[in-house]
Amino acid sequence: MIPVTKSHSRAAYQAALGGAAFFDGSHLTRIEHRGADALDLLHRLSTNDLLSLGEGGVRRTVITTAEARIVDVVTVVRRKGRPILLIGSAGAAQRLLEWLDKFTFAEDSEPRDRSSELAQLTLVGPESPRMIASLAGAEDLVLPGGACGEIAGNLVVARTDALGIPVIELVSQQASVGDLARELEKSGAVAADRAAWDALRVARGAPEWGSELDERVNPHEANLNGLIDFQKGCYVGQEVVARLDTYDKVQRRLVTVRCDTPLVSGAALAAEGRKVGEVRTVAAPEILDAHVALAFVRRGHWDPGTRLAVAGGGNAAVVSLPLA
């Protein structure tokens, strides 16, 4: 069990930035996608270029509706000689399976939910690649960003660097995840809790399904432009995604705000007496030494330094990322 004391959460957050910390990711969705057309189907349903993803590669992408709303953000892990592994948001299995089925006609595509059979740890921090190399018994072989591999034939390691720092997803059988956690702790990684994870997301501007992402949000609003290949061909939602970019039509954006008083999720943000935003995930102030949160704000109010009033009292300002 990962401790949840305030002091531990702060130590885990600091370890993720300066050493290594690991988080329980078993609540996330894991789908094995078999079939000769699996990669092509995913390419035609999402924002990033997946056809160029070779075996041993990892790439994050956004599956979108025809209106460019987010179905989910998924990590595509193309293992050598194995089915593609999709890592999605918590509770996304049914949503993703139904979406894949909707666009499967004569394709050789067989997705299977393995979320309950597999466990997952997320290892974060600059020391993470070294620890994985040590686990693999190959200290001189560091897993680069955007690459995946296997250790002992049953531990999948996939490096995404999703937070702008080394991030490695470790997927194993349920029975072995406890041993894996103990090995990481022996290597110096700190077991981390939800509070530390949310603080990292807030400090890095990283959205999550259910807090910032849902079927009403498009990738531009959530600052997921790095997962969009604007040169690739047609995919579901491509026309709207491109039009929003070309004509600069994005009306709100995810930002991080700092306030002089405590923040609560759902609090309105206002400018000149008019609501222009809403607070979403709030970081524990004892971790970041400040009242900081993710928030959606309207056009004209998302530049760093913009000052906003918080409903119930308090003044907030949009800050530059990443936070120290």
C-alpha atoms as a PDB file:
ATOM      1  CA  MET A   1       0.000   0.000   0.000  1.00  0.00           C
ATOM      2  CA  ILE A   2       1.359   3.428  -0.958  1.00  0.00           C
ATOM      3  CA  PRO A   3       1.433   5.852   2.000  1.00  0.00           C
ATOM      4  CA  VAL A   4      -0.763   8.936   1.655  1.00  0.00           C
ATOM      5  CA  THR A   5       0.708  11.269   4.264  1.00  0.00           C
ATOM      6  CA  LYS A   6       1.301  14.878   3.247  1.00  0.00           C
ATOM      7  CA  SER A   7       5.041  14.603   3.812  1.00  0.00           C
ATOM      8  CA  HIS A   8       5.231  11.480   1.683  1.00  0.00           C
ATOM      9  CA  SER A   9       3.271  13.065  -1.183  1.00  0.00           C
ATOM     10  CA  ARG A  10       5.704  15.980  -1.245  1.00  0.00           C
ATOM     11  CA  ALA A  11       8.725  13.663  -1.175  1.00  0.00           C
ATOM     12  CA  ALA A  12       7.283  11.571  -4.009  1.00  0.00           C
ATOM     13  CA  TYR A  13       6.637  14.672  -6.120  1.00  0.00           C
ATOM     14  CA  GLN A  14      10.207  15.851  -5.590  1.00  0.00           C
ATOM     15  CA  ALA A  15      11.528  12.372  -6.420  1.00  0.00           C
ATOM     16  CA  ALA A  16       9.635  12.410  -9.729  1.00  0.00           C
ATOM     17  CA  LEU A  17      11.430  15.632 -10.669  1.00  0.00           C
ATOM     18  CA  GLY A  18      14.890  14.811  -9.347  1.00  0.00           C
ATOM     19  CA  GLY A  19      15.091  11.019  -9.115  1.00  0.00           C
ATOM     20  CA  ALA A  20      12.289   8.540  -9.714  1.00  0.00           C
ATOM     21  CA  ALA A  21       8.835   7.852  -8.345  1.00  0.00           C
ATOM     22  CA  PHE A  22       6.301   5.219  -9.336  1.00  0.00           C
ATOM     23  CA  PHE A  23       2.541   5.420  -9.397  1.00  0.00           C
ATOM     24  CA  ASP A  24      -0.111   2.704  -9.496  1.00  0.00           C
ATOM     25  CA  GLY A  25      -1.579   2.766 -13.011  1.00  0.00           C
ATOM     26  CA  SER A  26      -3.626  -0.406 -12.747  1.00  0.00           C
ATOM     27  CA  HIS A  27      -6.873   1.590 -12.966  1.00  0.00           C
ATOM     28  CA  LEU A  28      -6.002   2.536 -16.556  1.00  0.00           C
ATOM     29  CA  THR A  29      -7.375   0.724 -19.610  1.00  0.00           C
ATOM     30  CA  ARG A  30      -5.237  -1.873 -21.382  1.00  0.00           C
ATOM     31  CA  ILE A  31      -6.411  -3.318 -24.703  1.00  0.00           C
ATOM     32  CA  GLU A  32      -4.558  -5.819 -26.883  1.00  0.00           C
ATOM     33  CA  HIS A  33      -5.275  -5.109 -30.530  1.00  0.00           C
ATOM     34  CA  ARG A  34      -4.561  -7.994 -32.887  1.00  0.00           C
ATOM     35  CA  GLY A  35      -4.892  -8.203 -36.640  1.00  0.00           C
ATOM     36  CA  ALA A  36      -3.086  -7.182 -39.809  1.00  0.00           C
ATOM     37  CA  ASP A  37      -5.207  -4.015 -40.103  1.00  0.00           C
ATOM     38  CA  ALA A  38      -5.065  -2.962 -36.453  1.00  0.00           C
ATOM     39  CA  LEU A  39      -2.461  -0.213 -36.879  1.00  0.00           C
ATOM     40  CA  ASP A  40      -4.075   1.140 -40.046  1.00  0.00           C
ATOM     41  CA  LEU A  41      -7.461   1.319 -38.317  1.00  0.00           C
ATOM     42  CA  LEU A  42      -6.007   3.224 -35.373  1.00  0.00           C
ATOM     43  CA  HIS A  43      -4.256   5.568 -37.819  1.00  0.00           C
ATOM     44  CA  ARG A  44      -7.591   6.362 -39.507  1.00  0.00           C
ATOM     45  CA  LEU A  45      -9.305   7.075 -36.187  1.00  0.00           C
ATOM     46  CA  SER A  46      -6.782   9.328 -34.447  1.00  0.00           C
ATOM     47  CA  THR A  47      -4.763  12.511 -34.718  1.00  0.00           C
ATOM     48  CA  ASN A  48      -1.184  11.244 -34.827  1.00  0.00           C
ATOM     49  CA  ASP A  49       0.729   9.448 -37.573  1.00  0.00           C
ATOM     50  CA  LEU A  50       0.753   5.770 -36.643  1.00  0.00           C
ATOM     51  CA  LEU A  51       1.668   4.252 -39.999  1.00  0.00           C
ATOM     52  CA  SER A  52       5.267   5.354 -39.462  1.00  0.00           C
ATOM     53  CA  LEU A  53       5.376   3.714 -36.030  1.00  0.00           C
ATOM     54  CA  GLY A  54       7.721   0.761 -36.395  1.00  0.00           C
ATOM     55  CA  GLU A  55       7.970  -2.290 -34.190  1.00  0.00           C
ATOM     56  CA  GLY A  56       9.442  -1.357 -30.838  1.00  0.00           C
ATOM     57  CA  GLY A  57       7.869   2.114 -31.033  1.00  0.00           C
ATOM     58  CA  VAL A  58       5.520   4.014 -28.728  1.00  0.00           C
ATOM     59  CA  ARG A  59       3.318   6.944 -29.715  1.00  0.00           C
ATOM     60  CA  ARG A  60       0.510   8.820 -28.017  1.00  0.00           C
ATOM     61  CA  THR A  61      -2.507   9.890 -30.050  1.00  0.00           C
ATOM     62  CA  VAL A  62      -6.033  11.260 -29.624  1.00  0.00           C
ATOM     63  CA  ILE A  63      -9.024   9.326 -30.903  1.00  0.00           C
ATOM     64  CA  THR A  64     -11.619  11.876 -31.993  1.00  0.00           C
ATOM     65  CA  THR A  65     -15.214  12.018 -33.153  1.00  0.00           C
ATOM     66  CA  ALA A  66     -16.296  13.569 -36.465  1.00  0.00           C
ATOM     67  CA  GLU A  67     -16.814  16.811 -34.500  1.00  0.00           C
ATOM     68  CA  ALA A  68     -13.222  16.581 -33.184  1.00  0.00           C
ATOM     69  CA  ARG A  69     -14.350  15.795 -29.648  1.00  0.00           C
ATOM     70  CA  ILE A  70     -12.133  13.486 -27.639  1.00  0.00           C
ATOM     71  CA  VAL A  71     -13.023   9.804 -27.372  1.00  0.00           C
ATOM     72  CA  ASP A  72      -9.806   9.155 -25.464  1.00  0.00           C
ATOM     73  CA  VAL A  73      -6.080   9.825 -25.394  1.00  0.00           C
ATOM     74  CA  VAL A  74      -4.274   6.533 -25.924  1.00  0.00           C
ATOM     75  CA  THR A  75      -0.696   5.311 -25.902  1.00  0.00           C
ATOM     76  CA  VAL A  76      -0.001   2.934 -28.783  1.00  0.00           C
ATOM     77  CA  VAL A  77       2.689   0.392 -27.935  1.00  0.00           C
ATOM     78  CA  ARG A  78       3.825  -1.552 -31.006  1.00  0.00           C
ATOM     79  CA  ARG A  79       5.611  -4.567 -29.570  1.00  0.00           C
ATOM     80  CA  LYS A  80       7.854  -6.772 -31.675  1.00  0.00           C
ATOM     81  CA  GLY A  81       6.020  -9.923 -32.706  1.00  0.00           C
ATOM     82  CA  ARG A  82       3.144  -9.233 -30.303  1.00  0.00           C
ATOM     83  CA  PRO A  83      -0.315  -7.627 -30.553  1.00  0.00           C
ATOM     84  CA  ILE A  84      -0.426  -3.851 -30.285  1.00  0.00           C
ATOM     85  CA  LEU A  85      -1.013  -2.707 -26.718  1.00  0.00           C
ATOM     86  CA  LEU A  86      -3.276   0.302 -26.210  1.00  0.00           C
ATOM     87  CA  ILE A  87      -3.131   2.135 -22.897  1.00  0.00           C
ATOM     88  CA  GLY A  88      -6.146   4.366 -22.349  1.00  0.00           C
ATOM     89  CA  SER A  89      -7.805   6.313 -19.572  1.00  0.00           C
ATOM     90  CA  ALA A  90      -9.449   4.776 -16.534  1.00  0.00           C
ATOM     91  CA  GLY A  91     -12.812   3.239 -17.414  1.00  0.00           C
ATOM     92  CA  ALA A  92     -12.321   3.732 -21.148  1.00  0.00           C
ATOM     93  CA  ALA A  93     -12.367   0.077 -22.247  1.00  0.00           C
ATOM     94  CA  GLN A  94     -16.015  -0.151 -23.287  1.00  0.00           C
ATOM     95  CA  ARG A  95     -15.930   3.269 -24.939  1.00  0.00           C
ATOM     96  CA  LEU A  96     -12.829   2.392 -26.967  1.00  0.00           C
ATOM     97  CA  LEU A  97     -14.026  -1.085 -27.935  1.00  0.00           C
ATOM     98  CA  GLU A  98     -17.346   0.279 -29.172  1.00  0.00           C
ATOM     99  CA  TRP A  99     -15.597   3.015 -31.148  1.00  0.00           C
ATOM    100  CA  LEU A 100     -13.209   0.553 -32.806  1.00  0.00           C
ATOM    101  CA  ASP A 101     -16.093  -1.775 -33.599  1.00  0.00           C
ATOM    102  CA  LYS A 102     -18.093   1.085 -35.139  1.00  0.00           C
ATOM    103  CA  PHE A 103     -15.424   1.627 -37.792  1.00  0.00           C
ATOM    104  CA  THR A 104     -14.469  -1.997 -38.358  1.00  0.00           C
ATOM    105  CA  PHE A 105     -15.997  -3.485 -41.500  1.00  0.00           C
ATOM    106  CA  ALA A 106     -13.871  -6.016 -43.393  1.00  0.00           C
ATOM    107  CA  GLU A 107     -10.669  -5.152 -41.513  1.00  0.00           C
ATOM    108  CA  ASP A 108      -8.602  -7.793 -39.760  1.00  0.00           C
ATOM    109  CA  SER A 109      -8.909  -6.150 -36.349  1.00  0.00           C
ATOM    110  CA  GLU A 110      -9.501  -7.891 -33.010  1.00  0.00           C
ATOM    111  CA  PRO A 111      -9.292  -5.673 -29.894  1.00  0.00           C
ATOM    112  CA  ARG A 112      -9.567  -7.357 -26.508  1.00  0.00           C
ATOM    113  CA  ASP A 113      -9.866  -5.723 -23.101  1.00  0.00           C
ATOM    114  CA  ARG A 114      -7.130  -7.001 -20.782  1.00  0.00           C
ATOM    115  CA  SER A 115      -7.436  -4.320 -18.121  1.00  0.00           C
ATOM    116  CA  SER A 116      -8.386  -6.748 -15.366  1.00  0.00           C
ATOM    117  CA  GLU A 117      -5.738  -9.317 -16.279  1.00  0.00           C
ATOM    118  CA  LEU A 118      -2.795  -6.936 -16.412  1.00  0.00           C
ATOM    119  CA  ALA A 119      -1.401  -4.518 -13.848  1.00  0.00           C
ATOM    120  CA  GLN A 120       0.526  -1.325 -14.474  1.00  0.00           C
ATOM    121  CA  LEU A 121       2.994   0.980 -12.767  1.00  0.00           C
ATOM    122  CA  THR A 122       4.035   4.377 -14.100  1.00  0.00           C
ATOM    123  CA  LEU A 123       7.664   5.251 -13.399  1.00  0.00           C
ATOM    124  CA  VAL A 124       8.494   8.967 -13.569  1.00  0.00           C
ATOM    125  CA  GLY A 125      11.723  10.910 -13.237  1.00  0.00           C
ATOM    126  CA  PRO A 126      15.189  11.428 -14.694  1.00  0.00           C
ATOM    127  CA  GLU A 127      16.508   8.264 -13.033  1.00  0.00           C
ATOM    128  CA  SER A 128      13.747   6.093 -14.525  1.00  0.00           C
ATOM    129  CA  PRO A 129      15.619   4.964 -17.684  1.00  0.00           C
ATOM    130  CA  ARG A 130      18.620   3.914 -15.616  1.00  0.00           C
ATOM    131  CA  MET A 131      16.425   1.874 -13.292  1.00  0.00           C
ATOM    132  CA  ILE A 132      14.803   0.073 -16.208  1.00  0.00           C
ATOM    133  CA  ALA A 133      18.206  -0.690 -17.682  1.00  0.00           C
ATOM    134  CA  SER A 134      19.252  -2.126 -14.322  1.00  0.00           C
ATOM    135  CA  LEU A 135      16.112  -4.282 -14.127  1.00  0.00           C
ATOM    136  CA  ALA A 136      16.882  -5.614 -17.591  1.00  0.00           C
ATOM    137  CA  GLY A 137      20.477  -6.380 -16.610  1.00  0.00           C
ATOM    138  CA  ALA A 138      21.756  -4.037 -19.313  1.00  0.00           C
ATOM    139  CA  GLU A 139      22.982  -0.934 -17.485  1.00  0.00           C
ATOM    140  CA  ASP A 140      24.536   0.501 -20.655  1.00  0.00           C
ATOM    141  CA  LEU A 141      21.317   0.176 -22.669  1.00  0.00           C
ATOM    142  CA  VAL A 142      18.951   3.056 -21.822  1.00  0.00           C
ATOM    143  CA  LEU A 143      15.462   2.942 -23.301  1.00  0.00           C
ATOM    144  CA  PRO A 144      15.010   6.091 -25.422  1.00  0.00           C
ATOM    145  CA  GLY A 145      11.828   8.139 -25.558  1.00  0.00           C
ATOM    146  CA  GLY A 146       9.200   6.686 -27.891  1.00  0.00           C
ATOM    147  CA  ALA A 147      10.515   3.136 -27.561  1.00  0.00           C
ATOM    148  CA  CYS A 148       9.292  -0.046 -25.919  1.00  0.00           C
ATOM    149  CA  GLY A 149      10.644  -3.459 -25.023  1.00  0.00           C
ATOM    150  CA  GLU A 150      10.122  -6.444 -22.773  1.00  0.00           C
ATOM    151  CA  ILE A 151      11.988  -7.732 -19.749  1.00  0.00           C
ATOM    152  CA  ALA A 152      11.999 -11.451 -19.003  1.00  0.00           C
ATOM    153  CA  GLY A 153       9.357 -11.947 -21.675  1.00  0.00           C
ATOM    154  CA  ASN A 154       6.439 -10.722 -19.560  1.00  0.00           C
ATOM    155  CA  LEU A 155       7.136  -7.147 -18.439  1.00  0.00           C
ATOM    156  CA  VAL A 156       6.293  -4.534 -21.068  1.00  0.00           C
ATOM    157  CA  VAL A 157       8.225  -1.267 -20.748  1.00  0.00           C
ATOM    158  CA  ALA A 158       7.051   1.685 -22.845  1.00  0.00           C
ATOM    159  CA  ARG A 159       8.639   5.118 -22.571  1.00  0.00           C
ATOM    160  CA  THR A 160       6.254   7.983 -23.375  1.00  0.00           C
ATOM    161  CA  ASP A 161       7.789  11.024 -21.607  1.00  0.00           C
ATOM    162  CA  ALA A 162       4.202  12.264 -21.464  1.00  0.00           C
ATOM    163  CA  LEU A 163       4.911  14.904 -18.797  1.00  0.00           C
ATOM    164  CA  GLY A 164       7.928  16.402 -20.535  1.00  0.00           C
ATOM    165  CA  ILE A 165      10.209  14.336 -18.286  1.00  0.00           C
ATOM    166  CA  PRO A 166      11.022  10.609 -18.509  1.00  0.00           C
ATOM    167  CA  VAL A 167       7.811   8.588 -18.067  1.00  0.00           C
ATOM    168  CA  ILE A 168       7.886   4.803 -18.477  1.00  0.00           C
ATOM    169  CA  GLU A 169       4.801   2.603 -18.376  1.00  0.00           C
ATOM    170  CA  LEU A 170       5.394  -0.854 -16.907  1.00  0.00           C
ATOM    171  CA  VAL A 171       2.735  -3.450 -17.719  1.00  0.00           C
ATOM    172  CA  SER A 172       2.875  -6.867 -16.081  1.00  0.00           C
ATOM    173  CA  GLN A 173       0.709  -9.736 -14.962  1.00  0.00           C
ATOM    174  CA  GLN A 174      -1.288  -8.966 -11.827  1.00  0.00           C
ATOM    175  CA  ALA A 175       0.576 -11.608  -9.822  1.00  0.00           C
ATOM    176  CA  SER A 176       3.983 -10.017 -10.398  1.00  0.00           C
ATOM    177  CA  VAL A 177       3.259  -6.316  -9.878  1.00  0.00           C
ATOM    178  CA  GLY A 178       4.024  -6.487  -6.146  1.00  0.00           C
ATOM    179  CA  ASP A 179       7.481  -7.900  -6.824  1.00  0.00           C
ATOM    180  CA  LEU A 180       8.027  -5.210  -9.458  1.00  0.00           C
ATOM    181  CA  ALA A 181       7.143  -2.458  -6.985  1.00  0.00           C
ATOM    182  CA  ARG A 182       9.592  -3.877  -4.453  1.00  0.00           C
ATOM    183  CA  GLU A 183      12.354  -4.015  -7.084  1.00  0.00           C
ATOM    184  CA  LEU A 184      11.768  -0.382  -7.964  1.00  0.00           C
ATOM    185  CA  GLU A 185      11.944   0.639  -4.316  1.00  0.00           C
ATOM    186  CA  LYS A 186      15.200  -1.279  -3.914  1.00  0.00           C
ATOM    187  CA  SER A 187      16.535   0.701  -6.892  1.00  0.00           C
ATOM    188  CA  GLY A 188      15.673   3.960  -5.144  1.00  0.00           C
ATOM    189  CA  ALA A 189      12.288   4.832  -6.640  1.00  0.00           C
ATOM    190  CA  VAL A 190       9.720   6.334  -4.270  1.00  0.00           C
ATOM    191  CA  ALA A 191       6.194   4.895  -4.134  1.00  0.00           C
ATOM    192  CA  ALA A 192       3.838   7.779  -4.897  1.00  0.00           C
ATOM    193  CA  ASP A 193       0.162   8.508  -4.327  1.00  0.00           C
ATOM    194  CA  ARG A 194      -2.650  10.278  -6.144  1.00  0.00           C
ATOM    195  CA  ALA A 195      -1.894  13.657  -4.588  1.00  0.00           C
ATOM    196  CA  ALA A 196       1.657  13.594  -5.972  1.00  0.00           C
ATOM    197  CA  TRP A 197       0.354  12.561  -9.410  1.00  0.00           C
ATOM    198  CA  ASP A 198      -2.149  15.413  -9.542  1.00  0.00           C
ATOM    199  CA  ALA A 199       0.525  17.879  -8.454  1.00  0.00           C
ATOM    200  CA  LEU A 200       2.716  16.696 -11.329  1.00  0.00           C
ATOM    201  CA  ARG A 201      -0.157  17.101 -13.784  1.00  0.00           C
ATOM    202  CA  VAL A 202      -0.938  20.601 -12.571  1.00  0.00           C
ATOM    203  CA  ALA A 203       2.726  21.637 -12.660  1.00  0.00           C
ATOM    204  CA  ARG A 204       3.076  20.253 -16.196  1.00  0.00           C
ATOM    205  CA  GLY A 205      -0.333  21.233 -17.575  1.00  0.00           C
ATOM    206  CA  ALA A 206      -1.314  17.629 -18.289  1.00  0.00           C
ATOM    207  CA  PRO A 207      -5.062  16.877 -18.590  1.00  0.00           C
ATOM    208  CA  GLU A 208      -6.746  13.666 -17.509  1.00  0.00           C
ATOM    209  CA  TRP A 209     -10.024  12.031 -18.464  1.00  0.00           C
ATOM    210  CA  GLY A 210     -12.826  12.818 -16.049  1.00  0.00           C
ATOM    211  CA  SER A 211     -11.119  15.917 -14.666  1.00  0.00           C
ATOM    212  CA  GLU A 212     -10.232  17.967 -17.756  1.00  0.00           C
ATOM    213  CA  LEU A 213     -11.052  15.630 -20.640  1.00  0.00           C
ATOM    214  CA  ASP A 214     -14.472  14.410 -21.730  1.00  0.00           C
ATOM    215  CA  GLU A 215     -16.575  14.105 -24.874  1.00  0.00           C
ATOM    216  CA  ARG A 216     -17.132  17.904 -24.952  1.00  0.00           C
ATOM    217  CA  VAL A 217     -13.423  18.808 -25.258  1.00  0.00           C
ATOM    218  CA  ASN A 218     -11.309  18.959 -28.418  1.00  0.00           C
ATOM    219  CA  PRO A 219      -7.521  18.396 -28.551  1.00  0.00           C
ATOM    220  CA  HIS A 220      -6.686  22.079 -29.112  1.00  0.00           C
ATOM    221  CA  GLU A 221      -8.543  23.120 -25.974  1.00  0.00           C
ATOM    222  CA  ALA A 222      -6.671  20.535 -23.909  1.00  0.00           C
ATOM    223  CA  ASN A 223      -3.236  21.577 -25.242  1.00  0.00           C
ATOM    224  CA  LEU A 224      -2.778  18.214 -26.967  1.00  0.00           C
ATOM    225  CA  ASN A 225      -1.441  19.729 -30.196  1.00  0.00           C
ATOM    226  CA  GLY A 226       1.769  17.768 -29.718  1.00  0.00           C
ATOM    227  CA  LEU A 227      -0.258  14.612 -30.406  1.00  0.00           C
ATOM    228  CA  ILE A 228      -1.585  15.942 -33.731  1.00  0.00           C
ATOM    229  CA  ASP A 229       0.170  15.331 -37.043  1.00  0.00           C
ATOM    230  CA  PHE A 230      -1.118  18.128 -39.273  1.00  0.00           C
ATOM    231  CA  GLN A 231       0.530  16.573 -42.347  1.00  0.00           C
ATOM    232  CA  LYS A 232      -1.124  13.152 -42.202  1.00  0.00           C
ATOM    233  CA  GLY A 233      -4.057  12.197 -44.370  1.00  0.00           C
ATOM    234  CA  CYS A 234      -7.704  11.931 -43.500  1.00  0.00           C
ATOM    235  CA  TYR A 235      -8.905  10.593 -40.157  1.00  0.00           C
ATOM    236  CA  VAL A 236     -12.160  10.877 -38.260  1.00  0.00           C
ATOM    237  CA  GLY A 237     -12.377  14.483 -37.050  1.00  0.00           C
ATOM    238  CA  GLN A 238      -9.438  15.695 -39.164  1.00  0.00           C
ATOM    239  CA  GLU A 239     -11.344  18.415 -41.008  1.00  0.00           C
ATOM    240  CA  VAL A 240     -12.553  20.089 -37.810  1.00  0.00           C
ATOM    241  CA  VAL A 241      -9.163  19.732 -36.071  1.00  0.00           C
ATOM    242  CA  ALA A 242      -7.450  21.362 -39.061  1.00  0.00           C
ATOM    243  CA  ARG A 243     -10.042  24.142 -39.382  1.00  0.00           C
ATOM    244  CA  LEU A 244      -9.746  25.096 -35.717  1.00  0.00           C
ATOM    245  CA  ASP A 245      -5.985  25.422 -36.196  1.00  0.00           C
ATOM    246  CA  THR A 246      -5.981  27.145 -39.589  1.00  0.00           C
ATOM    247  CA  TYR A 247      -8.576  29.765 -38.687  1.00  0.00           C
ATOM    248  CA  ASP A 248      -7.520  30.134 -35.043  1.00  0.00           C
ATOM    249  CA  LYS A 249     -11.011  29.278 -33.791  1.00  0.00           C
ATOM    250  CA  VAL A 250     -10.175  27.735 -30.439  1.00  0.00           C
ATOM    251  CA  GLN A 251     -12.370  29.470 -27.847  1.00  0.00           C
ATOM    252  CA  ARG A 252     -10.973  28.123 -24.574  1.00  0.00           C
ATOM    253  CA  ARG A 253      -7.750  26.548 -23.400  1.00  0.00           C
ATOM    254  CA  LEU A 254      -6.374  24.575 -20.476  1.00  0.00           C
ATOM    255  CA  VAL A 255      -3.965  26.569 -18.312  1.00  0.00           C
ATOM    256  CA  THR A 256      -2.428  26.432 -14.862  1.00  0.00           C
ATOM    257  CA  VAL A 257      -3.390  29.195 -12.434  1.00  0.00           C
ATOM    258  CA  ARG A 258      -1.889  30.301  -9.135  1.00  0.00           C
ATOM    259  CA  CYS A 259      -4.087  31.884  -6.485  1.00  0.00           C
ATOM    260  CA  ASP A 260      -3.499  33.821  -3.260  1.00  0.00           C
ATOM    261  CA  THR A 261      -6.192  31.796  -1.459  1.00  0.00           C
ATOM    262  CA  PRO A 262      -7.213  28.092  -1.479  1.00  0.00           C
ATOM    263  CA  LEU A 263      -8.845  26.834  -4.684  1.00  0.00           C
ATOM    264  CA  VAL A 264     -11.621  24.291  -5.143  1.00  0.00           C
ATOM    265  CA  SER A 265     -12.538  22.302  -8.227  1.00  0.00           C
ATOM    266  CA  GLY A 266     -15.470  23.864 -10.066  1.00  0.00           C
ATOM    267  CA  ALA A 267     -14.824  27.405  -8.856  1.00  0.00           C
ATOM    268  CA  ALA A 268     -15.596  30.064 -11.463  1.00  0.00           C
ATOM    269  CA  LEU A 269     -12.899  32.422 -12.733  1.00  0.00           C
ATOM    270  CA  ALA A 270     -13.952  35.893 -13.807  1.00  0.00           C
ATOM    271  CA  ALA A 271     -12.611  38.994 -15.546  1.00  0.00           C
ATOM    272  CA  GLU A 272     -14.353  42.378 -15.265  1.00  0.00           C
ATOM    273  CA  GLY A 273     -17.299  40.702 -13.558  1.00  0.00           C
ATOM    274  CA  ARG A 274     -17.851  38.128 -16.299  1.00  0.00           C
ATOM    275  CA  LYS A 275     -17.186  34.397 -15.973  1.00  0.00           C
ATOM    276  CA  VAL A 276     -14.347  33.389 -18.279  1.00  0.00           C
ATOM    277  CA  GLY A 277     -13.188  30.093 -16.823  1.00  0.00           C
ATOM    278  CA  GLU A 278     -13.488  27.266 -14.353  1.00  0.00           C
ATOM    279  CA  VAL A 279     -11.051  25.525 -12.025  1.00  0.00           C
ATOM    280  CA  ARG A 280     -10.574  21.792 -12.574  1.00  0.00           C
ATOM    281  CA  THR A 281      -7.837  19.752 -10.807  1.00  0.00           C
ATOM    282  CA  VAL A 282      -6.432  21.417  -7.672  1.00  0.00           C
ATOM    283  CA  ALA A 283      -2.937  20.469  -6.486  1.00  0.00           C
ATOM    284  CA  ALA A 284      -2.352  19.923  -2.781  1.00  0.00           C
ATOM    285  CA  PRO A 285      -0.754  23.212  -1.619  1.00  0.00           C
ATOM    286  CA  GLU A 286       1.597  21.439   0.791  1.00  0.00           C
ATOM    287  CA  ILE A 287       3.240  19.735  -2.209  1.00  0.00           C
ATOM    288  CA  LEU A 288       3.791  22.806  -4.420  1.00  0.00           C
ATOM    289  CA  ASP A 289       3.991  25.446  -1.671  1.00  0.00           C
ATOM    290  CA  ALA A 290       1.236  27.361  -3.473  1.00  0.00           C
ATOM    291  CA  HIS A 291      -2.453  27.288  -4.366  1.00  0.00           C
ATOM    292  CA  VAL A 292      -2.247  26.015  -7.947  1.00  0.00           C
ATOM    293  CA  ALA A 293      -4.755  24.332 -10.246  1.00  0.00           C
ATOM    294  CA  LEU A 294      -5.586  23.401 -13.812  1.00  0.00           C
ATOM    295  CA  ALA A 295      -8.388  25.486 -15.296  1.00  0.00           C
ATOM    296  CA  PHE A 296     -10.131  26.106 -18.585  1.00  0.00           C
ATOM    297  CA  VAL A 297     -10.259  29.788 -19.537  1.00  0.00           C
ATOM    298  CA  ARG A 298     -11.767  31.644 -22.477  1.00  0.00           C
ATOM    299  CA  ARG A 299      -9.894  33.229 -25.371  1.00  0.00           C
ATOM    300  CA  GLY A 300      -8.233  36.469 -24.402  1.00  0.00           C
ATOM    301  CA  HIS A 301      -7.560  35.296 -20.863  1.00  0.00           C
ATOM    302  CA  TRP A 302      -5.101  32.409 -21.257  1.00  0.00           C
ATOM    303  CA  ASP A 303      -1.770  34.219 -21.654  1.00  0.00           C
ATOM    304  CA  PRO A 304       0.686  33.906 -18.725  1.00  0.00           C
ATOM    305  CA  GLY A 305       0.291  36.822 -16.357  1.00  0.00           C
ATOM    306  CA  THR A 306      -3.433  37.279 -17.005  1.00  0.00           C
ATOM    307  CA  ARG A 307      -5.173  38.050 -13.722  1.00  0.00           C
ATOM    308  CA  LEU A 308      -8.551  36.562 -12.834  1.00  0.00           C
ATOM    309  CA  ALA A 309     -10.940  36.795  -9.901  1.00  0.00           C
ATOM    310  CA  VAL A 310     -11.940  33.589  -8.120  1.00  0.00           C
ATOM    311  CA  ALA A 311     -15.569  33.092  -7.132  1.00  0.00           C
ATOM    312  CA  GLY A 312     -15.893  33.283  -3.368  1.00  0.00           C
ATOM    313  CA  GLY A 313     -12.857  35.537  -3.029  1.00  0.00           C
ATOM    314  CA  GLY A 314      -9.258  35.469  -4.094  1.00  0.00           C
ATOM    315  CA  ASN A 315      -7.158  36.522  -7.069  1.00  0.00           C
ATOM    316  CA  ALA A 316      -5.539  34.137  -9.532  1.00  0.00           C
ATOM    317  CA  ALA A 317      -3.051  34.504 -12.356  1.00  0.00           C
ATOM    318  CA  VAL A 318      -2.230  32.301 -15.328  1.00  0.00           C
ATOM    319  CA  VAL A 319       1.341  31.004 -14.965  1.00  0.00           C
ATOM    320  CA  SER A 320       3.994  29.784 -17.384  1.00  0.00           C
ATOM    321  CA  LEU A 321       4.751  26.063 -17.508  1.00  0.00           C
ATOM    322  CA  PRO A 322       6.354  23.943 -16.312  1.00  0.00           C
ATOM    323  CA  LEU A 323       6.292  25.057 -12.714  1.00  0.00           C
ATOM    324  CA  ALA A 324       9.567  24.673 -10.842  1.00  0.00           C
END
